Amino acid sequence: MSRPDSFALGLIVLSAAIHPLWNMLLKRSDEKVVFYFNIHLFFTIFFSFTLFVLPVASVTGRGWLMVLLSSVAHFFYQIYLCRTYELGDMSLTYPIIRSAPLFVVIMAAVFLKERLSPLAIAGIVIIVIGAQMINQQKISLKQFFGAWRHARPRVVAAAVLTAFFSALYSVIDKKGALIIHPVLFFYLFFAVSGLMFGLYLLFAPGRKKNYIALTRANAHKIALAALLEFASYVLILYAFRLTAVATVVAIRQISVVFGAMIGIFFLKEKYGKARLLASVVIFTGIYLLIITK
């Protein structure tokens, strides 16, 4: 079950192309927790028709348990993601966050009994290495490992926890997407995690400052980010139904290549030799996953 068919691969690649777009909007926001809460609020209100179109009544007790577990995992992932972006040091944090597939391999084996071949695991490791290389200015082992020398413990902790909860919700969502319609499942866990986000915002000191002004100034970006995040992750939920969760999460790391392309075309960044090599490494890992039986 480790090798994705062409349809599943198409879903994952399309999701990966969308993912950096909403992530870029979050990165550029002035108050990231407020921005992310408003993504939840917009989606929950404007997509409430989902509850009348899809069979909520058919969700079993096991299904609601998956919704609750997913909501908690997504909530902590989003909190630590915002925290990581606030702390900066993207040259360090980004590679750590992108190590999530390694966590997924372990969790999927323990909780889902998914077993990958040695070649597939090698492909995942290669993809993670490529993702770590993508932000290097030049091809250099010193630069590859250098960021760790001056790393602050809280920066590393935030990034590691982001990766951990990303892996955790992926494994939970694999089970959830198998027993609940993916669109309905997304709406339910996103609405519940949005409620948690709202409570966090309500009691977090200083987070509510200028809420109205920030919301008005970013309304169009919030709406766009909500639509993009929905589209990106629902595609992944459908892919979870078709192939191993570790394979899906690993191939989705191609989003770092799309992110680099956005930097080139929209931010006028250079696509240097290091990024070119990183892209080749990532595609090599993906190729190994595709050919694995």
Protein backbone atom coordinates (compact mmCIF):
# COMPACT_ATOMS: atom_id res chain seq x y z
CA MET A 1 0.00 0.00 0.00
CA SER A 2 3.04 2.29 -0.03
CA ARG A 3 3.07 3.12 -3.74
CA PRO A 4 0.54 5.81 -4.76
CA ASP A 5 -1.41 5.39 -8.01
CA SER A 6 -1.48 8.23 -10.54
CA PHE A 7 -4.73 9.68 -9.16
CA ALA A 8 -3.47 9.77 -5.57
CA LEU A 9 -0.18 11.27 -6.76
CA GLY A 10 -2.09 13.98 -8.63
CA LEU A 11 -4.09 14.86 -5.50
CA ILE A 12 -0.92 15.14 -3.40
CA VAL A 13 0.96 17.27 -5.95
CA LEU A 14 -2.02 19.61 -6.41
CA SER A 15 -2.32 19.96 -2.64
CA ALA A 16 1.41 20.69 -2.40
CA ALA A 17 1.10 23.42 -5.03
CA ILE A 18 -1.68 25.14 -3.04
CA HIS A 19 -0.12 24.73 0.42
CA PRO A 20 2.64 27.39 0.23
CA LEU A 21 0.14 30.01 -0.98
CA TRP A 22 -1.91 30.13 2.23
CA ASN A 23 1.22 29.55 4.30
CA MET A 24 2.77 32.65 2.74
CA LEU A 25 -0.29 34.70 3.72
CA LEU A 26 0.06 33.51 7.32
CA LYS A 27 3.80 34.21 7.40
CA ARG A 28 3.24 37.79 6.19
CA SER A 29 0.44 38.59 8.65
CA ASP A 30 1.18 41.01 11.51
CA GLU A 31 -0.52 38.98 14.26
CA LYS A 32 -0.43 35.33 13.27
CA VAL A 33 -2.68 33.92 16.00
CA VAL A 34 -5.41 36.47 15.18
CA PHE A 35 -5.00 35.76 11.48
CA TYR A 36 -5.27 31.99 11.97
CA PHE A 37 -8.28 32.30 14.26
CA ASN A 38 -10.02 34.36 11.58
CA ILE A 39 -9.29 31.67 9.01
CA HIS A 40 -11.20 29.28 11.29
CA LEU A 41 -14.01 31.79 11.85
CA PHE A 42 -14.46 32.57 8.15
CA PHE A 43 -14.49 28.92 7.14
CA THR A 44 -16.82 27.80 9.94
CA ILE A 45 -19.41 30.48 9.13
CA PHE A 46 -19.34 30.52 5.34
CA PHE A 47 -19.11 26.75 4.93
CA SER A 48 -21.77 25.91 7.51
CA PHE A 49 -23.97 24.68 4.65
CA THR A 50 -21.75 21.56 4.76
CA LEU A 51 -23.73 20.40 7.79
CA PHE A 52 -26.94 20.38 5.71
CA VAL A 53 -25.45 18.81 2.58
CA LEU A 54 -23.43 15.96 4.08
CA PRO A 55 -24.78 13.31 6.52
CA VAL A 56 -23.71 14.54 9.98
CA ALA A 57 -26.19 12.16 11.60
CA SER A 58 -24.30 9.20 10.18
CA VAL A 59 -21.12 10.05 12.09
CA THR A 60 -20.57 7.32 14.68
CA GLY A 61 -19.12 7.62 18.17
CA ARG A 62 -15.78 6.44 16.77
CA GLY A 63 -16.04 9.12 14.12
CA TRP A 64 -16.63 11.86 16.70
CA LEU A 65 -13.62 10.57 18.65
CA MET A 66 -11.49 11.02 15.52
CA VAL A 67 -12.89 14.54 15.10
CA LEU A 68 -12.00 15.44 18.69
CA LEU A 69 -8.49 13.93 18.53
CA SER A 70 -7.83 15.61 15.19
CA SER A 71 -9.07 18.95 16.52
CA VAL A 72 -6.68 18.82 19.48
CA ALA A 73 -3.72 17.78 17.31
CA HIS A 74 -4.46 20.50 14.73
CA PHE A 75 -4.90 23.12 17.46
CA PHE A 76 -1.48 22.45 18.95
CA TYR A 77 0.10 22.24 15.49
CA GLN A 78 -1.34 25.63 14.57
CA ILE A 79 -0.30 27.25 17.87
CA TYR A 80 3.27 26.00 17.54
CA LEU A 81 3.36 26.89 13.83
CA CYS A 82 2.42 30.49 14.68
CA ARG A 83 4.96 30.48 17.50
CA THR A 84 7.68 29.18 15.20
CA TYR A 85 6.98 31.89 12.62
CA GLU A 86 7.01 34.53 15.36
CA LEU A 87 10.39 33.38 16.63
CA GLY A 88 11.91 33.55 13.16
CA ASP A 89 15.13 31.73 12.30
CA MET A 90 13.50 30.09 9.29
CA SER A 91 16.84 28.64 8.15
CA LEU A 92 16.66 26.43 11.26
CA THR A 93 12.95 25.99 11.92
CA TYR A 94 11.84 25.22 8.38
CA PRO A 95 13.96 22.06 8.03
CA ILE A 96 12.83 20.82 11.44
CA ILE A 97 9.15 21.35 10.61
CA ARG A 98 9.71 19.50 7.34
CA SER A 99 11.02 16.47 9.24
CA ALA A 100 7.40 15.50 10.02
CA PRO A 101 7.47 12.51 7.58
CA LEU A 102 10.03 10.80 9.84
CA PHE A 103 7.63 11.08 12.78
CA VAL A 104 4.80 9.80 10.56
CA VAL A 105 6.71 6.65 9.58
CA ILE A 106 7.05 5.71 13.26
CA MET A 107 3.50 6.67 14.27
CA ALA A 108 1.92 4.95 11.26
CA ALA A 109 3.79 1.75 12.04
CA VAL A 110 2.70 1.82 15.70
CA PHE A 111 -0.91 3.01 15.39
CA LEU A 112 -1.97 2.05 11.85
CA LYS A 113 0.23 -1.03 11.35
CA GLU A 114 1.45 0.45 8.05
CA ARG A 115 4.74 -1.09 7.00
CA LEU A 116 6.90 0.54 4.32
CA SER A 117 9.65 -1.16 2.37
CA PRO A 118 13.29 -0.17 3.00
CA LEU A 119 13.32 1.58 -0.40
CA ALA A 120 10.25 3.64 0.54
CA ILE A 121 11.80 4.64 3.87
CA ALA A 122 14.99 5.62 2.03
CA GLY A 123 12.87 7.77 -0.29
CA ILE A 124 11.27 9.53 2.69
CA VAL A 125 14.66 10.21 4.29
CA ILE A 126 15.96 11.62 0.98
CA ILE A 127 12.91 13.91 0.69
CA VAL A 128 13.48 15.24 4.23
CA ILE A 129 17.16 15.91 3.43
CA GLY A 130 16.14 17.77 0.28
CA ALA A 131 13.63 19.85 2.24
CA GLN A 132 16.40 20.81 4.67
CA MET A 133 18.60 21.95 1.78
CA ILE A 134 15.99 24.15 0.08
CA ASN A 135 16.78 27.34 2.03
CA GLN A 136 20.57 27.12 1.76
CA GLN A 137 22.34 29.99 0.05
CA LYS A 138 25.02 27.67 -1.33
CA ILE A 139 25.95 23.99 -1.46
CA SER A 140 27.81 23.50 1.79
CA LEU A 141 27.84 20.94 4.60
CA LYS A 142 28.87 23.72 6.96
CA GLN A 143 25.74 25.68 6.07
CA PHE A 144 23.60 22.52 6.19
CA PHE A 145 24.52 21.91 9.85
CA GLY A 146 25.60 25.42 10.82
CA ALA A 147 22.21 26.75 11.92
CA TRP A 148 22.23 24.39 14.89
CA ARG A 149 25.30 26.03 16.41
CA HIS A 150 23.49 29.17 17.48
CA ALA A 151 20.05 27.65 17.92
CA ARG A 152 17.99 28.83 20.88
CA PRO A 153 16.30 25.99 22.78
CA ARG A 154 12.81 27.55 22.55
CA VAL A 155 13.16 27.93 18.77
CA VAL A 156 14.11 24.28 18.35
CA ALA A 157 11.36 23.20 20.77
CA ALA A 158 8.66 25.12 18.87
CA ALA A 159 9.77 23.69 15.53
CA VAL A 160 10.04 20.11 16.81
CA LEU A 161 6.59 20.31 18.41
CA THR A 162 5.18 21.69 15.15
CA ALA A 163 6.60 18.70 13.28
CA PHE A 164 5.38 16.27 15.95
CA PHE A 165 1.78 17.52 15.94
CA SER A 166 1.80 17.67 12.14
CA ALA A 167 2.68 13.98 12.12
CA LEU A 168 0.15 13.20 14.84
CA TYR A 169 -2.80 14.83 13.10
CA SER A 170 -1.81 13.14 9.83
CA VAL A 171 -2.06 9.69 11.40
CA ILE A 172 -5.35 10.56 13.11
CA ASP A 173 -6.78 12.08 9.94
CA LYS A 174 -5.92 8.96 7.97
CA LYS A 175 -8.34 7.01 10.18
CA GLY A 176 -10.89 9.84 10.24
CA ALA A 177 -11.00 10.19 6.45
CA LEU A 178 -11.73 6.47 6.12
CA ILE A 179 -14.88 6.60 8.26
CA ILE A 180 -16.22 10.13 7.58
CA HIS A 181 -16.66 11.96 4.27
CA PRO A 182 -13.41 13.98 3.86
CA VAL A 183 -15.15 17.34 3.35
CA LEU A 184 -17.39 16.80 6.38
CA PHE A 185 -14.47 15.54 8.45
CA PHE A 186 -12.45 18.66 7.59
CA TYR A 187 -15.33 20.96 8.47
CA LEU A 188 -15.95 19.28 11.84
CA PHE A 189 -12.37 19.14 13.10
CA PHE A 190 -11.57 22.60 11.72
CA ALA A 191 -14.61 24.10 13.45
CA VAL A 192 -13.79 22.43 16.79
CA SER A 193 -10.10 23.37 16.63
CA GLY A 194 -11.26 26.90 15.73
CA LEU A 195 -13.26 26.98 18.97
CA MET A 196 -10.12 25.98 20.85
CA PHE A 197 -8.22 28.69 19.01
CA GLY A 198 -10.85 31.24 20.03
CA LEU A 199 -10.57 30.27 23.70
CA TYR A 200 -6.80 30.52 23.49
CA LEU A 201 -7.07 33.97 21.92
CA LEU A 202 -9.57 35.06 24.57
CA PHE A 203 -7.30 34.19 27.49
CA ALA A 204 -3.87 34.85 25.94
CA PRO A 205 -2.43 38.15 27.22
CA GLY A 206 -2.02 40.76 24.50
CA ARG A 207 -3.32 38.57 21.66
CA LYS A 208 -6.66 40.41 21.38
CA LYS A 209 -5.08 43.82 20.92
CA ASN A 210 -6.32 45.62 17.77
CA TYR A 211 -8.36 42.54 16.80
CA ILE A 212 -11.01 44.51 14.86
CA ALA A 213 -8.47 46.67 13.04
CA LEU A 214 -6.32 43.67 12.12
CA THR A 215 -9.33 41.71 10.90
CA ARG A 216 -10.64 44.52 8.72
CA ALA A 217 -7.24 45.22 7.22
CA ASN A 218 -6.71 41.55 6.32
CA ALA A 219 -10.27 40.42 5.51
CA HIS A 220 -9.60 39.54 1.87
CA LYS A 221 -6.36 37.72 2.74
CA ILE A 222 -8.12 35.78 5.51
CA ALA A 223 -10.88 34.65 3.14
CA LEU A 224 -8.35 33.61 0.50
CA ALA A 225 -6.21 31.75 3.04
CA ALA A 226 -9.27 29.88 4.37
CA LEU A 227 -10.25 28.72 0.88
CA LEU A 228 -6.71 27.70 0.01
CA GLU A 229 -6.16 25.77 3.24
CA PHE A 230 -9.48 23.96 2.78
CA ALA A 231 -8.66 23.00 -0.82
CA SER A 232 -5.13 21.92 0.06
CA TYR A 233 -6.02 19.68 2.98
CA VAL A 234 -9.20 18.10 1.63
CA LEU A 235 -7.14 16.82 -1.29
CA ILE A 236 -4.80 15.21 1.25
CA LEU A 237 -7.72 13.63 3.10
CA TYR A 238 -8.86 12.01 -0.15
CA ALA A 239 -5.27 10.84 -0.78
CA PHE A 240 -5.21 9.28 2.71
CA ARG A 241 -8.03 7.01 1.53
CA LEU A 242 -5.90 5.72 -1.33
CA THR A 243 -2.38 5.15 -0.02
CA ALA A 244 -0.15 4.99 3.07
CA VAL A 245 -0.13 8.10 5.24
CA ALA A 246 3.70 8.25 5.38
CA THR A 247 3.83 8.21 1.59
CA VAL A 248 1.28 11.02 1.31
CA VAL A 249 3.02 13.24 3.87
CA ALA A 250 6.45 12.62 2.33
CA ILE A 251 5.43 13.39 -1.25
CA ARG A 252 3.62 16.49 -0.01
CA GLN A 253 7.04 17.89 0.88
CA ILE A 254 7.31 18.83 -2.77
CA SER A 255 5.50 21.94 -1.55
CA VAL A 256 8.92 23.31 -0.55
CA VAL A 257 9.86 23.33 -4.24
CA PHE A 258 6.65 25.15 -5.10
CA GLY A 259 7.37 27.55 -2.25
CA ALA A 260 10.79 28.26 -3.71
CA MET A 261 9.18 28.93 -7.09
CA ILE A 262 6.80 31.41 -5.47
CA GLY A 263 9.85 33.14 -4.04
CA ILE A 264 11.35 33.39 -7.51
CA PHE A 265 8.32 34.62 -9.44
CA PHE A 266 6.63 36.79 -6.79
CA LEU A 267 9.43 37.80 -4.43
CA LYS A 268 12.15 38.01 -7.11
CA GLU A 269 14.44 35.64 -5.22
CA LYS A 270 17.18 33.73 -6.98
CA TYR A 271 16.93 30.00 -7.58
CA GLY A 272 20.56 29.19 -6.85
CA LYS A 273 22.52 25.98 -7.27
CA ALA A 274 21.68 24.86 -3.72
CA ARG A 275 17.93 25.10 -4.36
CA LEU A 276 18.33 23.34 -7.69
CA LEU A 277 20.21 20.49 -6.01
CA ALA A 278 17.63 20.36 -3.20
CA SER A 279 14.83 20.07 -5.77
CA VAL A 280 16.65 17.22 -7.52
CA VAL A 281 17.11 15.44 -4.18
CA ILE A 282 13.40 15.83 -3.33
CA PHE A 283 12.30 14.53 -6.74
CA THR A 284 14.70 11.58 -6.36
CA GLY A 285 13.04 10.65 -3.06
CA ILE A 286 9.58 10.98 -4.61
CA TYR A 287 10.66 8.77 -7.52
CA LEU A 288 11.74 6.05 -5.08
CA LEU A 289 8.32 6.22 -3.39
CA ILE A 290 6.51 6.01 -6.73
CA ILE A 291 8.40 2.91 -7.95
CA THR A 292 8.26 1.11 -4.60
CA LYS A 293 5.99 -1.91 -4.58
